[in-house]
Amino acid sequence: MGYHKENLKEQLVEIAWDICNAESWQNVNMRKVAKKAKVSTTAFYRHFKKKDDLKAELMRRGYELINEGRKDVDTFAGYGAHYIRFGLDYPFIYDLMFGNTDLDMSLYPDLEEQSNAAFDGVLEALKDFMPDSAEKDTRIKAINIWASVHGLVGLLRSGDSHVYKSEDLKWIENNLEEYLQMTTFS
C-alpha cells in the first residue's frame, strides 16, 4: 500500500482500525500506522492533528457499523443481538467505544451524535412495545436493556464464568435473539 493523496486518510484509518481490532487501542501509535502506510509521520499529522482525532474516527466507524446494522434487523431482539455480536466480533473496538475512554465527545459533535443514535435505537424500538408508557418509564427500561446488553457482552467475552455454567453462556451466544426476547419482554 503506497501513498495516495486522495485516500491517505482512509488508508490510515483502515490501518489503525486493523491494529486496534487485532491488538487494542493501546497498540495503535502514529509511527506504527504511518510505517504500515509507507508514509512519514508528518504525512500522518496532515490528516490527524492529534491521536484523539484518530481515536474519534475509529469510534465513529464503530458506531456507524452498529447504527447501519440496525437497519438490517426487523425485531428489537434482533437489534440487541446485532449489538452484542458487534461487541464479540470487534472486542477491542468495542472497548475503545464503551470502555473508560478519556475522549471529550463534545469536541466531536458528529461522533456524539452517532453515539446517541445507538442508544436512541433502543429507546425508539421500546416505544413501539410500550406505546402507553410514560417517557420516563420507557427511558428507564431502555437504560436497563442497554446495561444488560453491555453486561452480556462482558460475560460472553469472559468465557467461562464462576457464576454461570459455560454451556449456558454458549447457548445464549448461539441463541441471542431468543434469549433477548425471553428476558427483555417477559
Protein backbone atom coordinates (compact mmCIF):
# COMPACT_ATOMS: atom_id res chain seq x y z
CA MET A 1 0.00 0.00 0.00
CA GLY A 2 1.60 3.24 -1.08
CA TYR A 3 0.96 6.88 -0.54
CA HIS A 4 -2.12 8.12 -2.38
CA LYS A 5 -3.08 11.67 -1.59
CA GLU A 6 -6.74 11.25 -2.42
CA ASN A 7 -7.34 8.42 0.04
CA LEU A 8 -4.46 8.52 2.53
CA LYS A 9 -6.70 9.50 5.43
CA GLU A 10 -8.95 6.49 4.79
CA GLN A 11 -5.88 4.24 4.47
CA LEU A 12 -4.58 5.49 7.82
CA VAL A 13 -7.94 4.90 9.46
CA GLU A 14 -8.15 1.40 7.96
CA ILE A 15 -4.67 0.51 9.22
CA ALA A 16 -5.40 1.91 12.68
CA TRP A 17 -8.73 0.00 12.72
CA ASP A 18 -6.94 -3.25 11.87
CA ILE A 19 -4.31 -2.72 14.57
CA CYS A 20 -6.91 -1.75 17.17
CA ASN A 21 -9.18 -4.63 16.22
CA ALA A 22 -6.38 -7.19 16.41
CA GLU A 23 -4.35 -5.84 19.32
CA SER A 24 -6.17 -2.99 21.16
CA TRP A 25 -6.15 0.78 21.09
CA GLN A 26 -3.08 0.83 23.35
CA ASN A 27 -1.08 -0.69 20.48
CA VAL A 28 -2.10 1.97 17.98
CA ASN A 29 0.51 4.67 17.58
CA MET A 30 1.17 7.21 14.89
CA ARG A 31 4.56 5.83 13.85
CA LYS A 32 3.27 2.28 13.52
CA VAL A 33 0.30 3.38 11.41
CA ALA A 34 2.44 5.66 9.23
CA LYS A 35 5.04 2.91 8.74
CA LYS A 36 2.39 0.41 7.63
CA ALA A 37 1.01 3.03 5.22
CA LYS A 38 4.56 3.66 3.97
CA VAL A 39 4.34 7.37 4.71
CA SER A 40 6.09 9.70 7.12
CA THR A 41 4.57 10.67 10.43
CA THR A 42 4.46 14.18 9.01
CA ALA A 43 2.06 12.94 6.33
CA PHE A 44 0.04 11.29 9.07
CA TYR A 45 -0.24 14.56 11.02
CA ARG A 46 -1.57 16.34 7.94
CA HIS A 47 -4.74 14.31 8.42
CA PHE A 48 -4.87 13.96 12.20
CA LYS A 49 -3.73 16.82 14.42
CA LYS A 50 -3.60 14.58 17.49
CA LYS A 51 -4.13 10.95 18.44
CA ASP A 52 -7.61 11.73 19.82
CA ASP A 53 -8.69 12.68 16.29
CA LEU A 54 -7.79 9.17 15.15
CA LYS A 55 -9.49 7.65 18.20
CA ALA A 56 -12.65 9.61 17.37
CA GLU A 57 -12.52 8.36 13.79
CA LEU A 58 -12.28 4.72 14.89
CA MET A 59 -15.13 5.19 17.37
CA ARG A 60 -17.22 6.89 14.68
CA ARG A 61 -16.65 3.93 12.37
CA GLY A 62 -17.73 1.54 15.13
CA TYR A 63 -20.93 3.47 15.81
CA GLU A 64 -21.65 3.57 12.09
CA LEU A 65 -21.41 -0.23 11.96
CA ILE A 66 -23.79 -0.54 14.90
CA ASN A 67 -26.24 2.02 13.55
CA GLU A 68 -26.14 0.79 9.94
CA GLY A 69 -26.62 -2.81 11.06
CA ARG A 70 -29.74 -1.80 12.92
CA LYS A 71 -31.39 -1.15 9.56
CA ASP A 72 -30.92 -4.80 8.59
CA VAL A 73 -32.84 -6.25 11.54
CA ASP A 74 -36.58 -6.23 11.91
CA THR A 75 -37.03 -7.05 15.59
CA PHE A 76 -36.00 -5.44 18.81
CA ALA A 77 -34.25 -8.64 19.91
CA GLY A 78 -32.51 -8.68 16.54
CA TYR A 79 -31.06 -5.23 17.20
CA GLY A 80 -29.85 -6.34 20.62
CA ALA A 81 -28.28 -9.44 19.09
CA HIS A 82 -26.61 -7.31 16.39
CA TYR A 83 -25.22 -5.01 19.09
CA ILE A 84 -23.88 -7.95 21.14
CA ARG A 85 -22.34 -9.57 18.07
CA PHE A 86 -20.55 -6.30 17.34
CA GLY A 87 -19.03 -6.47 20.85
CA LEU A 88 -17.97 -10.06 20.25
CA ASP A 89 -16.68 -9.57 16.70
CA TYR A 90 -14.81 -6.32 17.43
CA PRO A 91 -13.82 -6.63 21.10
CA PHE A 92 -11.06 -4.03 21.15
CA ILE A 93 -13.06 -1.54 19.07
CA TYR A 94 -15.97 -2.12 21.47
CA ASP A 95 -13.62 -1.45 24.41
CA LEU A 96 -12.45 1.75 22.74
CA MET A 97 -16.05 2.90 22.29
CA PHE A 98 -17.52 1.82 25.61
CA GLY A 99 -14.55 1.48 27.94
CA ASN A 100 -13.24 4.23 30.13
CA THR A 101 -12.27 6.47 27.28
CA ASP A 102 -10.87 9.87 28.04
CA LEU A 103 -12.09 11.33 24.77
CA ASP A 104 -14.07 14.54 25.15
CA MET A 105 -17.00 13.70 22.87
CA SER A 106 -18.20 17.31 22.88
CA LEU A 107 -15.19 18.11 20.66
CA TYR A 108 -16.55 15.68 18.07
CA PRO A 109 -20.26 16.51 17.66
CA ASP A 110 -20.80 14.04 14.81
CA LEU A 111 -19.32 11.26 16.94
CA GLU A 112 -21.50 12.25 19.86
CA GLU A 113 -24.50 12.15 17.52
CA GLN A 114 -23.57 8.63 16.35
CA SER A 115 -23.16 7.50 19.97
CA ASN A 116 -26.53 8.92 20.94
CA ALA A 117 -28.13 7.27 17.91
CA ALA A 118 -27.06 3.83 19.17
CA PHE A 119 -28.93 4.35 22.44
CA ASP A 120 -31.81 6.14 20.73
CA GLY A 121 -32.31 3.00 18.63
CA VAL A 122 -33.12 1.11 21.83
CA LEU A 123 -35.37 3.89 23.08
CA GLU A 124 -37.31 4.24 19.82
CA ALA A 125 -37.82 0.50 19.48
CA LEU A 126 -39.14 0.32 23.04
CA LYS A 127 -41.71 3.00 22.31
CA ASP A 128 -43.29 0.55 19.85
CA PHE A 129 -43.56 -2.07 22.60
CA MET A 130 -44.61 0.35 25.32
CA PRO A 131 -46.82 2.85 23.44
CA ASP A 132 -48.86 3.82 26.51
CA SER A 133 -45.92 4.16 28.89
CA ALA A 134 -44.65 7.45 30.23
CA GLU A 135 -41.44 8.76 28.67
CA LYS A 136 -39.58 8.27 31.96
CA ASP A 137 -40.67 4.62 32.22
CA THR A 138 -39.57 3.94 28.66
CA ARG A 139 -36.19 5.60 29.26
CA ILE A 140 -35.62 3.60 32.45
CA LYS A 141 -36.45 0.35 30.62
CA ALA A 142 -34.11 1.40 27.78
CA ILE A 143 -31.28 2.07 30.24
CA ASN A 144 -31.88 -1.31 31.87
CA ILE A 145 -31.74 -3.08 28.50
CA TRP A 146 -28.67 -1.06 27.49
CA ALA A 147 -26.89 -2.08 30.70
CA SER A 148 -27.95 -5.71 30.29
CA VAL A 149 -26.66 -5.86 26.73
CA HIS A 150 -23.30 -4.39 27.75
CA GLY A 151 -23.12 -6.77 30.70
CA LEU A 152 -23.90 -9.71 28.45
CA VAL A 153 -21.10 -8.72 26.08
CA GLY A 154 -18.74 -8.79 29.05
CA LEU A 155 -19.96 -12.21 30.22
CA LEU A 156 -19.76 -13.72 26.76
CA ARG A 157 -16.30 -12.30 26.19
CA SER A 158 -15.02 -13.62 29.51
CA GLY A 159 -15.94 -17.17 28.53
CA ASP A 160 -16.31 -19.49 31.47
CA SER A 161 -17.59 -17.59 34.46
CA HIS A 162 -17.74 -18.77 38.05
CA VAL A 163 -21.33 -17.50 38.23
CA TYR A 164 -22.71 -19.21 35.13
CA LYS A 165 -22.02 -22.57 33.60
CA SER A 166 -20.19 -22.18 30.31
CA GLU A 167 -22.82 -24.24 28.45
CA ASP A 168 -25.42 -21.64 29.48
CA LEU A 169 -23.29 -18.85 28.05
CA LYS A 170 -22.70 -20.85 24.88
CA TRP A 171 -26.47 -21.36 24.48
CA ILE A 172 -27.06 -17.63 24.96
CA GLU A 173 -24.37 -16.73 22.42
CA ASN A 174 -25.87 -19.15 19.88
CA ASN A 175 -29.45 -18.01 20.56
CA LEU A 176 -29.13 -14.28 21.22
CA GLU A 177 -32.46 -13.25 19.69
CA GLU A 178 -34.38 -15.90 21.64
CA TYR A 179 -32.55 -15.06 24.87
CA LEU A 180 -33.21 -11.34 24.48
CA GLN A 181 -36.87 -11.94 23.66
CA MET A 182 -37.20 -14.14 26.77
CA THR A 183 -35.51 -11.69 29.11
CA THR A 184 -36.46 -8.31 27.73
CA PHE A 185 -40.21 -8.57 27.38
CA SER A 186 -41.22 -11.30 29.80
